[in-house]
Amino acid sequence: LAKGLEYDYVLLDEPQAVVDAEPDERTGLRRLYVTLTRAVSGLIITHAAPLPAQLT
């Protein structure tokens, strides 16, 4: 739903859960990319689970 939109601040909770919520990893990583690129002024990422390998 956020595709094409921008937000001043974005809080992303559990990036791995975003990837896991999609039927395949490729789609999940695309969704994660969209969430990471919507922030204009600030991005906060919180997680208890390990980050996806692509973010480390």
N, C-alpha and C. Protein backbone atom coordinates (compact mmCIF):
# COMPACT_ATOMS: atom_id res chain seq x y z
N LEU A 1 0.80 -1.21 0.00
CA LEU A 1 0.00 0.00 0.00
C LEU A 1 0.84 1.27 0.00
N ALA A 2 2.09 1.18 0.45
CA ALA A 2 2.95 2.36 0.55
C ALA A 2 3.75 2.62 -0.72
N LYS A 3 3.60 1.77 -1.71
CA LYS A 3 4.39 1.92 -2.93
C LYS A 3 4.11 3.28 -3.56
N GLY A 4 5.18 4.02 -3.80
CA GLY A 4 5.05 5.34 -4.40
C GLY A 4 4.83 6.46 -3.40
N LEU A 5 4.58 6.14 -2.16
CA LEU A 5 4.37 7.16 -1.13
C LEU A 5 5.66 7.40 -0.35
N GLU A 6 5.76 8.56 0.25
CA GLU A 6 6.89 8.88 1.11
C GLU A 6 6.37 9.35 2.45
N TYR A 7 7.12 9.07 3.50
CA TYR A 7 6.74 9.46 4.85
C TYR A 7 7.92 10.17 5.50
N ASP A 8 7.65 11.15 6.36
CA ASP A 8 8.73 11.83 7.06
C ASP A 8 9.55 10.85 7.87
N TYR A 9 8.88 10.02 8.65
CA TYR A 9 9.55 9.06 9.51
C TYR A 9 8.91 7.69 9.34
N VAL A 10 9.74 6.66 9.38
CA VAL A 10 9.26 5.28 9.27
C VAL A 10 9.86 4.49 10.42
N LEU A 11 9.01 3.71 11.09
CA LEU A 11 9.45 2.77 12.12
C LEU A 11 9.20 1.37 11.57
N LEU A 12 10.26 0.63 11.38
CA LEU A 12 10.18 -0.73 10.84
C LEU A 12 10.47 -1.70 11.97
N ASP A 13 9.50 -2.51 12.31
CA ASP A 13 9.63 -3.50 13.38
C ASP A 13 9.77 -4.88 12.76
N GLU A 14 10.84 -5.57 13.09
CA GLU A 14 11.11 -6.94 12.64
C GLU A 14 11.19 -7.09 11.12
N PRO A 15 12.29 -6.63 10.53
CA PRO A 15 12.46 -6.75 9.07
C PRO A 15 12.34 -8.19 8.55
N GLN A 16 12.82 -9.16 9.33
CA GLN A 16 12.73 -10.55 8.86
C GLN A 16 11.28 -10.99 8.75
N ALA A 17 10.42 -10.49 9.61
CA ALA A 17 8.99 -10.83 9.55
C ALA A 17 8.36 -10.29 8.27
N VAL A 18 8.83 -9.16 7.79
CA VAL A 18 8.33 -8.61 6.53
C VAL A 18 8.68 -9.57 5.39
N VAL A 19 9.91 -10.05 5.38
CA VAL A 19 10.35 -10.99 4.34
C VAL A 19 9.58 -12.30 4.46
N ASP A 20 9.43 -12.80 5.67
CA ASP A 20 8.78 -14.10 5.88
C ASP A 20 7.28 -14.07 5.60
N ALA A 21 6.67 -12.91 5.61
CA ALA A 21 5.22 -12.81 5.41
C ALA A 21 4.81 -13.00 3.95
N GLU A 22 5.76 -12.98 3.06
CA GLU A 22 5.45 -13.14 1.63
C GLU A 22 5.64 -14.59 1.21
N PRO A 23 5.02 -15.00 0.11
CA PRO A 23 5.10 -16.40 -0.31
C PRO A 23 6.50 -16.86 -0.71
N ASP A 24 7.35 -15.95 -1.15
CA ASP A 24 8.72 -16.33 -1.51
C ASP A 24 9.68 -15.21 -1.07
N GLU A 25 10.96 -15.58 -0.93
CA GLU A 25 11.95 -14.63 -0.41
C GLU A 25 12.11 -13.41 -1.32
N ARG A 26 12.11 -13.63 -2.60
CA ARG A 26 12.29 -12.51 -3.54
C ARG A 26 11.22 -11.44 -3.36
N THR A 27 9.97 -11.87 -3.26
CA THR A 27 8.87 -10.93 -3.04
C THR A 27 9.00 -10.26 -1.68
N GLY A 28 9.39 -11.04 -0.68
CA GLY A 28 9.58 -10.49 0.66
C GLY A 28 10.67 -9.43 0.70
N LEU A 29 11.76 -9.69 0.00
CA LEU A 29 12.85 -8.70 -0.04
C LEU A 29 12.44 -7.45 -0.80
N ARG A 30 11.62 -7.59 -1.81
CA ARG A 30 11.09 -6.41 -2.51
C ARG A 30 10.22 -5.58 -1.58
N ARG A 31 9.38 -6.25 -0.81
CA ARG A 31 8.52 -5.54 0.15
C ARG A 31 9.37 -4.84 1.20
N LEU A 32 10.42 -5.50 1.67
CA LEU A 32 11.33 -4.89 2.64
C LEU A 32 12.00 -3.66 2.04
N TYR A 33 12.43 -3.75 0.80
CA TYR A 33 13.04 -2.61 0.12
C TYR A 33 12.09 -1.42 0.09
N VAL A 34 10.83 -1.67 -0.23
CA VAL A 34 9.84 -0.59 -0.27
C VAL A 34 9.73 0.06 1.11
N THR A 35 9.67 -0.74 2.16
CA THR A 35 9.54 -0.15 3.50
C THR A 35 10.78 0.65 3.87
N LEU A 36 11.94 0.20 3.46
CA LEU A 36 13.18 0.90 3.81
C LEU A 36 13.36 2.20 3.03
N THR A 37 12.75 2.30 1.88
CA THR A 37 12.98 3.48 1.03
C THR A 37 11.85 4.50 1.09
N ARG A 38 10.89 4.34 1.98
CA ARG A 38 9.79 5.31 2.09
C ARG A 38 10.13 6.47 3.01
N ALA A 39 11.15 6.33 3.85
CA ALA A 39 11.48 7.36 4.83
C ALA A 39 12.21 8.53 4.18
N VAL A 40 11.80 9.74 4.50
CA VAL A 40 12.44 10.95 3.97
C VAL A 40 13.41 11.52 5.01
N SER A 41 12.96 11.65 6.26
CA SER A 41 13.77 12.30 7.30
C SER A 41 14.36 11.34 8.31
N GLY A 42 13.70 10.22 8.56
CA GLY A 42 14.21 9.32 9.58
C GLY A 42 13.68 7.91 9.42
N LEU A 43 14.53 6.95 9.76
CA LEU A 43 14.17 5.54 9.70
C LEU A 43 14.67 4.88 10.97
N ILE A 44 13.77 4.21 11.68
CA ILE A 44 14.14 3.46 12.88
C ILE A 44 13.79 2.01 12.62
N ILE A 45 14.76 1.12 12.87
CA ILE A 45 14.55 -0.31 12.70
C ILE A 45 14.71 -0.97 14.06
N THR A 46 13.70 -1.71 14.49
CA THR A 46 13.79 -2.48 15.73
C THR A 46 13.64 -3.95 15.39
N HIS A 47 14.38 -4.79 16.13
CA HIS A 47 14.28 -6.22 15.88
C HIS A 47 14.81 -7.01 17.07
N ALA A 48 14.21 -8.16 17.29
CA ALA A 48 14.70 -9.12 18.27
C ALA A 48 15.29 -10.32 17.52
N ALA A 49 14.66 -10.66 16.40
CA ALA A 49 15.16 -11.74 15.55
C ALA A 49 16.34 -11.22 14.73
N PRO A 50 17.19 -12.11 14.24
CA PRO A 50 18.30 -11.67 13.38
C PRO A 50 17.78 -10.93 12.14
N LEU A 51 18.57 -9.98 11.68
CA LEU A 51 18.22 -9.26 10.45
C LEU A 51 18.40 -10.18 9.24
N PRO A 52 17.66 -9.91 8.17
CA PRO A 52 17.91 -10.67 6.95
C PRO A 52 19.38 -10.50 6.52
N ALA A 53 19.96 -11.54 5.98
CA ALA A 53 21.37 -11.51 5.59
C ALA A 53 21.68 -10.35 4.65
N GLN A 54 20.72 -9.94 3.84
CA GLN A 54 20.94 -8.87 2.89
C GLN A 54 21.12 -7.51 3.58
N LEU A 55 20.74 -7.38 4.83
CA LEU A 55 20.90 -6.11 5.56
C LEU A 55 22.18 -6.06 6.39
N THR A 56 22.86 -7.17 6.54
CA THR A 56 24.07 -7.17 7.37
C THR A 56 25.30 -6.86 6.58
